[in-house]
Amino acid sequence: MSIEIKVPALPESVSDATLVAWHKNVGESVSRDENLVDLETDKVVLEVPAPVSGVIEAIKVADGATVTAGEVLAVLTEGGTVEMDAPAPESVAQSEPKAAAEDTAAKTIKTSPAVRRLLEEHDLDATMVTGSGKDGRVTKADVMEFLKGDQSSNVTPGDPTPEVADDSAVVALERKEQRVPMTRLRARVAERMVDAQHQAAMLTTFNEVDLTEVMAMRKRYRDTFEKQHGVRLGFMSFFAKAAVEALKKYPVVNASVEDSDIIYHNYYDIGIAVSTERGLMVPVLRDVDQMSFANFETELGAMAQKAQDGAISMDDLTGGTFTITNGGIFGSMMSTPILNPPQSAILGMHNIQQRPMVVDGEIMVRPMMYLAVTYDHRIIDGREAVQFLVTIKEQLEDPGRLLLQV
């Protein structure tokens, strides 16, 4: 029986997708739930699994094509077998290795789109890497660890390609250009950034925070926290909880604009910017005000891993009321972050630097960070933005306030 493989229902507000790559060819056998093809939308990569076991009868759409929900991608023959010429007689010695090879080839190892791209870049097969994920799933970290131990493949994406010695002089003189189309994610990010510039009256205000107490608290409880909760105590949980307290005090910063109305939200869904191979993503953590530090760090770690693996869903990326971005992990000293529409404010964290500060009349070296909040001046006044940032500063310089919510 022939079964049509169709584009699944796309996330809300997404009209089409790009077919990234087929993982099976016509005539190949597939197992039920085995991923057949990757579809890329503005934010996520969707996997299309086989509904039943069978053989690929026909492929209707080529790599790189734009597809819509319900469109037929391929035709699968349920329970079919691949027609092959009868094998020539072989000796026992010859047939045993072949049987072993066929057995290995039949093994299916599930990998995410990001992992598959990394494997392809280094000409590796998933069976070469020992998976540490659930059910032996190969993760990006597994591949990178394998590359470190394999000197013949110890090349990271973006490294220059070795030049041939005979032609090195000629190659060095060539002036080359390469035209590469934007990925859907990059194009969507660009579109949203331009929209934000055109639609909002963006303004940025700055402050600085002394992280002495936060760092001391992390150092004092880091090992106990990790042992008890199974997750590291990071800086982001302090900033997220401080931001929530400031948002409660200045609710307009947690609001959004819709036409001529201001929409106030009585919940705190915080987007945390995550850098991935495919570009910047902002997964949203729901009801952060109700989370403990351990809950927040666990949820953030899970979301970040999903984003890195290309397994994040559109629901994970939509509906936030406020965003935090940390340019400090890349060494940024100061920046003016751009709003994440329809939100009305975004907090920018930066690099922590030891700087001389005057404390109680004495010069002391302190771990300092510049903070920036970009806000929509249409609904947020400068006074509110400044006091919002001051509240975050106060919470972090005296983290006991976070426990007492004062």
Protein backbone atom coordinates (compact mmCIF):
# COMPACT_ATOMS: atom_id res chain seq x y z
CA MET A 1 0.00 0.00 0.00
CA SER A 2 1.34 3.46 -0.96
CA ILE A 3 1.34 6.21 1.66
CA GLU A 4 1.91 9.90 0.95
CA ILE A 5 4.43 11.67 3.18
CA LYS A 6 3.18 15.23 3.65
CA VAL A 7 4.46 18.44 5.21
CA PRO A 8 3.13 18.45 8.79
CA ALA A 9 1.10 21.31 10.24
CA LEU A 10 3.41 24.30 10.58
CA PRO A 11 3.60 26.49 13.70
CA GLU A 12 1.18 29.37 14.00
CA SER A 13 2.11 32.41 11.87
CA VAL A 14 4.49 30.29 9.75
CA SER A 15 3.23 29.98 6.17
CA ASP A 16 5.93 27.83 4.59
CA ALA A 17 9.22 26.01 5.17
CA THR A 18 12.39 25.16 3.28
CA LEU A 19 13.28 21.54 2.62
CA VAL A 20 16.82 21.32 3.97
CA ALA A 21 17.89 17.77 3.19
CA TRP A 22 16.58 14.29 2.50
CA HIS A 23 18.09 11.51 4.60
CA LYS A 24 16.74 8.72 2.37
CA ASN A 25 16.79 8.08 -1.37
CA VAL A 26 14.28 6.40 -3.66
CA GLY A 27 14.39 2.64 -3.16
CA GLU A 28 15.81 2.77 0.37
CA SER A 29 14.16 0.99 3.26
CA VAL A 30 12.96 3.02 6.25
CA SER A 31 11.77 2.14 9.72
CA ARG A 32 8.73 3.56 11.44
CA ASP A 33 9.48 6.91 13.15
CA GLU A 34 12.83 7.20 11.33
CA ASN A 35 13.49 10.79 10.22
CA LEU A 36 13.13 11.14 6.46
CA VAL A 37 13.71 14.83 5.83
CA ASP A 38 14.42 18.13 7.64
CA LEU A 39 12.24 21.20 7.09
CA GLU A 40 13.49 24.62 8.20
CA THR A 41 11.10 27.39 9.24
CA ASP A 42 11.93 30.89 10.44
CA LYS A 43 13.03 29.61 13.82
CA VAL A 44 13.02 25.83 14.06
CA VAL A 45 13.97 22.72 12.11
CA LEU A 46 11.16 20.17 11.86
CA GLU A 47 11.81 16.46 11.36
CA VAL A 48 9.37 14.45 9.24
CA PRO A 49 9.31 10.83 10.48
CA ALA A 50 8.13 7.77 8.56
CA PRO A 51 4.59 6.83 9.69
CA VAL A 52 5.27 3.12 8.96
CA SER A 53 8.13 0.89 7.90
CA GLY A 54 8.58 0.46 4.17
CA VAL A 55 10.48 1.63 1.10
CA ILE A 56 10.71 5.10 -0.46
CA GLU A 57 8.81 4.79 -3.74
CA ALA A 58 9.17 8.40 -4.96
CA ILE A 59 10.48 11.79 -3.81
CA LYS A 60 8.33 14.68 -5.00
CA VAL A 61 10.27 17.69 -3.68
CA ALA A 62 13.98 18.38 -4.03
CA ASP A 63 16.39 19.87 -1.48
CA GLY A 64 16.11 23.63 -1.14
CA ALA A 65 12.48 23.85 -2.27
CA THR A 66 9.87 25.88 -0.42
CA VAL A 67 6.94 23.81 0.83
CA THR A 68 3.63 24.45 2.59
CA ALA A 69 1.58 22.48 5.10
CA GLY A 70 -0.06 19.42 3.57
CA GLU A 71 2.13 19.35 0.46
CA VAL A 72 3.21 15.85 -0.62
CA LEU A 73 6.94 15.29 -0.10
CA ALA A 74 7.30 11.63 -0.98
CA VAL A 75 5.48 8.35 -1.46
CA LEU A 76 6.23 5.38 0.79
CA THR A 77 5.36 1.75 0.04
CA GLU A 78 4.34 0.16 3.32
CA GLY A 79 6.16 -3.07 4.12
CA GLY A 80 7.86 -3.06 0.72
CA THR A 81 11.31 -4.38 -0.01
CA VAL A 82 14.10 -3.10 -2.18
CA GLU A 83 14.49 -5.03 -5.45
CA MET A 84 18.11 -6.05 -5.95
CA ASP A 85 19.95 -8.37 -8.34
CA ALA A 86 20.71 -11.82 -6.96
CA PRO A 87 24.15 -11.82 -5.34
CA ALA A 88 26.97 -13.85 -6.88
CA PRO A 89 28.13 -16.90 -4.96
CA GLU A 90 30.71 -16.06 -2.35
CA SER A 91 33.01 -17.99 -0.12
CA VAL A 92 32.31 -18.19 3.57
CA ALA A 93 35.28 -15.95 4.28
CA GLN A 94 33.91 -13.27 1.94
CA SER A 95 30.30 -13.43 3.07
CA GLU A 96 30.91 -13.02 6.79
CA PRO A 97 32.45 -9.53 6.60
CA LYS A 98 29.70 -8.45 4.23
CA ALA A 99 27.01 -9.69 6.60
CA ALA A 100 28.64 -7.76 9.41
CA ALA A 101 28.77 -4.62 7.27
CA GLU A 102 25.13 -4.99 6.31
CA ASP A 103 24.22 -5.42 9.97
CA THR A 104 26.09 -2.21 10.84
CA ALA A 105 24.50 -0.30 7.96
CA ALA A 106 21.05 -1.33 9.15
CA LYS A 107 21.56 0.21 12.53
CA THR A 108 19.78 3.56 12.82
CA ILE A 109 21.21 6.19 15.14
CA LYS A 110 18.95 9.17 15.72
CA THR A 111 20.68 12.54 15.55
CA SER A 112 19.52 16.14 15.52
CA PRO A 113 19.93 18.38 12.44
CA ALA A 114 22.78 20.28 14.14
CA VAL A 115 24.64 17.04 14.88
CA ARG A 116 24.10 15.76 11.34
CA ARG A 117 25.55 18.96 9.89
CA LEU A 118 28.59 18.65 12.15
CA LEU A 119 29.10 15.02 11.13
CA GLU A 120 28.83 15.93 7.45
CA GLU A 121 31.32 18.79 7.82
CA HIS A 122 33.93 16.35 9.15
CA ASP A 123 32.98 13.44 6.88
CA LEU A 124 31.97 11.28 9.85
CA ASP A 125 29.33 8.62 10.34
CA ALA A 126 27.21 8.59 13.49
CA THR A 127 28.24 4.97 14.15
CA MET A 128 31.82 6.18 14.69
CA VAL A 129 30.83 8.30 17.71
CA THR A 130 29.79 6.96 21.10
CA GLY A 131 26.53 8.64 22.09
CA SER A 132 25.99 9.89 25.66
CA GLY A 133 22.40 11.02 25.15
CA LYS A 134 19.17 9.21 25.87
CA ASP A 135 19.07 5.73 24.29
CA GLY A 136 22.61 6.25 22.99
CA ARG A 137 21.70 9.38 21.02
CA VAL A 138 24.75 11.20 19.67
CA THR A 139 24.97 14.81 20.83
CA LYS A 140 27.01 17.72 19.52
CA ALA A 141 29.28 17.42 22.56
CA ASP A 142 29.93 13.76 21.69
CA VAL A 143 31.04 14.70 18.18
CA MET A 144 33.32 17.49 19.43
CA GLU A 145 34.87 15.10 21.97
CA PHE A 146 35.46 12.55 19.21
CA LEU A 147 37.16 15.19 17.06
CA LYS A 148 39.47 16.15 19.91
CA GLY A 149 40.64 12.57 20.21
CA ASP A 150 40.91 11.94 16.46
CA GLN A 151 43.88 13.92 15.17
CA SER A 152 43.03 13.03 11.56
CA SER A 153 39.70 14.80 11.91
CA ASN A 154 40.63 17.42 14.48
CA VAL A 155 39.31 20.35 12.46
CA THR A 156 36.60 22.70 13.63
CA PRO A 157 34.02 24.34 11.36
CA GLY A 158 35.40 27.56 9.91
CA ASP A 159 39.05 26.48 9.96
CA PRO A 160 40.86 27.43 6.73
CA THR A 161 41.19 24.65 4.17
CA PRO A 162 44.83 23.61 3.71
CA GLU A 163 46.16 24.78 0.38
CA VAL A 164 47.95 22.54 -2.09
CA ALA A 165 51.67 23.33 -1.96
CA ASP A 166 52.14 23.44 -5.76
CA ASP A 167 49.38 25.99 -6.24
CA SER A 168 49.79 28.00 -3.03
CA ALA A 169 51.32 31.02 -4.74
CA VAL A 170 48.51 31.20 -7.30
CA VAL A 171 45.77 30.69 -4.72
CA ALA A 172 47.20 33.41 -2.48
CA LEU A 173 46.87 35.95 -5.31
CA GLU A 174 43.27 35.11 -6.16
CA ARG A 175 40.54 37.53 -5.02
CA LYS A 176 37.42 35.46 -4.46
CA GLU A 177 33.85 36.24 -3.58
CA GLN A 178 31.17 33.83 -2.49
CA ARG A 179 27.46 34.56 -2.65
CA VAL A 180 25.49 32.57 -0.06
CA PRO A 181 21.73 32.99 0.45
CA MET A 182 20.60 33.84 3.97
CA THR A 183 19.14 30.99 5.95
CA ARG A 184 15.47 31.40 6.84
CA LEU A 185 16.49 32.05 10.44
CA ARG A 186 18.97 34.78 9.50
CA ALA A 187 16.47 36.39 7.12
CA ARG A 188 13.77 36.33 9.79
CA VAL A 189 16.09 37.82 12.41
CA ALA A 190 17.05 40.58 9.97
CA GLU A 191 13.40 41.30 9.22
CA ARG A 192 12.46 41.50 12.90
CA MET A 193 15.39 43.77 13.71
CA VAL A 194 14.44 46.21 10.96
CA ASP A 195 10.78 46.09 12.04
CA ALA A 196 11.80 46.87 15.61
CA GLN A 197 13.76 49.92 14.44
CA HIS A 198 10.82 51.19 12.39
CA GLN A 199 7.94 50.48 14.75
CA ALA A 200 9.27 51.35 18.21
CA ALA A 201 10.78 54.52 19.68
CA MET A 202 13.83 52.76 21.12
CA LEU A 203 16.01 54.37 23.74
CA THR A 204 18.72 52.81 25.95
CA THR A 205 19.75 53.70 29.49
CA PHE A 206 22.79 52.34 31.33
CA ASN A 207 23.97 51.58 34.84
CA GLU A 208 26.64 49.47 36.46
CA VAL A 209 26.37 46.80 39.13
CA ASP A 210 28.86 45.57 41.72
CA LEU A 211 28.64 41.76 41.68
CA THR A 212 30.76 41.19 44.80
CA GLU A 213 27.90 39.77 46.86
CA VAL A 214 26.47 37.63 44.05
CA MET A 215 29.88 36.12 43.34
CA ALA A 216 30.48 35.49 47.03
CA MET A 217 27.09 33.77 47.37
CA ARG A 218 27.75 31.61 44.30
CA LYS A 219 31.15 30.59 45.63
CA ARG A 220 29.76 29.82 49.08
CA TYR A 221 26.88 27.61 47.90
CA ARG A 222 28.00 26.45 44.43
CA ASP A 223 29.08 22.94 45.36
CA THR A 224 26.18 22.30 47.74
CA PHE A 225 23.69 23.66 45.20
CA GLU A 226 25.01 21.46 42.39
CA LYS A 227 25.14 18.38 44.62
CA GLN A 228 21.58 18.85 45.84
CA HIS A 229 19.92 19.97 42.59
CA GLY A 230 22.15 18.39 39.94
CA VAL A 231 22.63 21.68 38.09
CA ARG A 232 25.16 24.54 38.24
CA LEU A 233 24.27 27.81 39.93
CA GLY A 234 24.78 30.36 37.16
CA PHE A 235 24.61 34.15 37.01
CA MET A 236 21.54 34.17 34.79
CA SER A 237 19.21 32.95 37.53
CA PHE A 238 20.21 35.94 39.71
CA PHE A 239 19.58 38.38 36.86
CA ALA A 240 16.28 36.77 35.88
CA LYS A 241 14.95 36.83 39.44
CA ALA A 242 16.14 40.43 39.91
CA ALA A 243 14.45 41.38 36.62
CA VAL A 244 11.17 39.82 37.77
CA GLU A 245 11.21 41.87 40.98
CA ALA A 246 11.86 45.03 38.95
CA LEU A 247 9.07 44.13 36.50
CA LYS A 248 6.63 43.72 39.40
CA LYS A 249 7.57 47.20 40.59
CA TYR A 250 7.30 48.75 37.11
CA PRO A 251 4.65 46.68 35.24
CA VAL A 252 4.73 48.87 32.12
CA VAL A 253 8.20 47.45 31.37
CA ASN A 254 6.53 44.01 31.19
CA ALA A 255 3.80 45.32 28.86
CA SER A 256 3.46 45.43 25.08
CA VAL A 257 1.85 47.70 22.49
CA GLU A 258 -0.99 46.52 20.28
CA ASP A 259 -2.31 49.20 17.91
CA SER A 260 -3.25 52.07 20.23
CA ASP A 261 -3.56 49.86 23.33
CA ILE A 262 -1.10 48.90 26.06
CA ILE A 263 -1.33 45.23 27.04
CA TYR A 264 -0.27 44.64 30.65
CA HIS A 265 0.77 41.11 31.61
CA ASN A 266 0.36 39.75 35.12
CA TYR A 267 2.79 36.90 34.39
CA TYR A 268 6.52 36.88 33.77
CA ASP A 269 7.63 34.84 30.77
CA ILE A 270 11.30 35.69 30.28
CA GLY A 271 13.12 35.11 27.00
CA ILE A 272 16.81 34.27 27.30
CA ALA A 273 18.90 34.87 24.16
CA VAL A 274 20.91 31.78 23.15
CA SER A 275 23.56 31.72 20.42
CA THR A 276 23.44 28.62 18.19
CA GLU A 277 25.09 27.47 14.96
CA ARG A 278 21.93 28.56 13.12
CA GLY A 279 21.89 32.01 14.72
CA LEU A 280 20.39 33.75 17.73
CA MET A 281 17.34 32.15 19.34
CA VAL A 282 15.32 33.37 22.32
CA PRO A 283 13.63 30.46 24.13
CA VAL A 284 11.04 31.57 26.67
CA LEU A 285 10.89 30.37 30.28
CA ARG A 286 7.32 30.60 31.58
CA ASP A 287 6.29 31.95 35.00
CA VAL A 288 9.81 32.72 36.16
CA ASP A 289 8.37 34.43 39.24
CA GLN A 290 7.19 31.02 40.45
CA MET A 291 10.50 29.25 39.81
CA SER A 292 13.22 28.49 42.32
CA PHE A 293 16.81 29.14 41.33
CA ALA A 294 17.24 25.40 40.71
CA ASN A 295 14.09 25.19 38.57
CA PHE A 296 15.25 28.15 36.50
CA GLU A 297 18.77 26.78 35.90
CA THR A 298 17.37 23.36 34.98
CA GLU A 299 14.80 24.80 32.54
CA LEU A 300 17.36 27.15 31.01
CA GLY A 301 19.83 24.32 30.47
CA ALA A 302 17.17 22.16 28.82
CA MET A 303 16.04 24.98 26.53
CA ALA A 304 19.59 25.89 25.54
CA GLN A 305 20.34 22.25 24.68
CA LYS A 306 17.18 22.00 22.55
CA ALA A 307 18.21 25.16 20.71
CA GLN A 308 21.73 23.82 20.08
CA ASP A 309 20.36 20.48 18.86
CA GLY A 310 17.86 22.13 16.52
CA ALA A 311 15.03 20.42 18.39
CA ILE A 312 13.38 23.54 19.79
CA SER A 313 9.73 24.17 18.90
CA MET A 314 7.97 27.36 17.88
CA ASP A 315 5.99 27.31 21.13
CA ASP A 316 9.32 27.47 23.01
CA LEU A 317 10.21 30.68 21.17
CA THR A 318 7.00 32.71 21.35
CA GLY A 319 4.97 34.55 23.96
CA GLY A 320 7.69 36.16 26.07
CA THR A 321 7.00 39.38 27.98
CA PHE A 322 10.63 40.47 28.57
CA THR A 323 14.05 39.42 27.26
CA ILE A 324 17.56 39.15 28.72
CA THR A 325 20.63 38.93 26.48
CA ASN A 326 24.18 38.34 27.70
CA GLY A 327 26.84 39.76 25.39
CA GLY A 328 29.37 39.36 28.18
CA ILE A 329 29.99 35.72 27.29
CA PHE A 330 31.53 37.00 24.04
CA GLY A 331 33.53 39.73 25.80
CA SER A 332 31.18 42.66 25.17
CA MET A 333 31.81 45.59 27.51
CA MET A 334 28.74 47.64 26.56
CA SER A 335 26.00 47.51 23.93
CA THR A 336 22.53 48.77 23.08
CA PRO A 337 20.35 45.65 22.63
CA ILE A 338 17.44 45.78 20.16
CA LEU A 339 13.87 45.09 21.28
CA ASN A 340 12.31 41.70 20.68
CA PRO A 341 8.83 42.71 19.38
CA PRO A 342 6.14 42.90 20.62
CA GLN A 343 7.98 43.25 23.94
CA SER A 344 8.72 46.75 25.19
CA ALA A 345 12.06 46.25 26.92
CA ILE A 346 15.20 44.11 26.88
CA LEU A 347 17.99 43.84 29.45
CA GLY A 348 21.60 43.60 28.24
CA MET A 349 24.26 41.98 30.42
CA HIS A 350 27.95 42.49 29.69
CA ASN A 351 31.45 41.38 30.63
CA ILE A 352 32.46 41.32 34.30
CA GLN A 353 35.63 43.33 34.84
CA GLN A 354 37.71 44.01 37.94
CA ARG A 355 37.73 47.79 38.29
CA PRO A 356 38.81 50.25 41.01
CA MET A 357 35.74 51.67 42.76
CA VAL A 358 35.32 54.08 45.67
CA VAL A 359 33.58 52.21 48.52
CA ASP A 360 32.97 54.06 51.79
CA GLY A 361 35.68 56.55 50.92
CA GLU A 362 38.25 53.91 50.01
CA ILE A 363 39.41 52.66 46.61
CA MET A 364 38.73 48.96 46.22
CA VAL A 365 38.86 46.53 43.30
CA ARG A 366 35.38 45.23 42.54
CA PRO A 367 33.84 42.89 39.93
CA MET A 368 31.73 45.33 37.90
CA MET A 369 29.31 44.86 35.03
CA TYR A 370 27.64 47.46 32.85
CA LEU A 371 23.90 46.94 32.42
CA ALA A 372 21.75 48.31 29.61
CA VAL A 373 18.00 48.38 29.20
CA THR A 374 16.56 49.30 25.82
CA TYR A 375 12.90 50.30 26.03
CA ASP A 376 10.02 51.49 23.88
CA HIS A 377 9.72 55.19 24.72
CA ARG A 378 6.16 55.22 23.38
CA ILE A 379 4.89 53.65 26.61
CA ILE A 380 7.86 53.67 29.00
CA ASP A 381 9.10 56.97 30.34
CA GLY A 382 12.76 57.58 31.02
CA ARG A 383 12.10 57.81 34.76
CA GLU A 384 10.54 54.33 34.80
CA ALA A 385 13.34 52.82 32.71
CA VAL A 386 16.05 54.31 34.92
CA GLN A 387 14.34 53.24 38.15
CA PHE A 388 13.72 49.79 36.71
CA LEU A 389 17.45 49.39 36.10
CA VAL A 390 18.28 50.80 39.54
CA THR A 391 15.98 48.19 41.10
CA ILE A 392 17.87 45.41 39.33
CA LYS A 393 21.15 46.92 40.53
CA GLU A 394 19.89 47.03 44.13
CA GLN A 395 18.70 43.42 44.02
CA LEU A 396 22.03 42.15 42.72
CA GLU A 397 24.23 44.22 45.03
CA ASP A 398 22.24 42.88 48.00
CA PRO A 399 20.99 39.44 46.84
CA GLY A 400 19.27 38.89 50.18
CA ARG A 401 16.55 41.12 48.72
CA LEU A 402 15.78 38.37 46.21
CA LEU A 403 14.89 36.00 49.02
CA LEU A 404 12.84 38.55 50.91
CA GLN A 405 11.36 40.09 47.74
CA VAL A 406 12.00 43.65 48.95
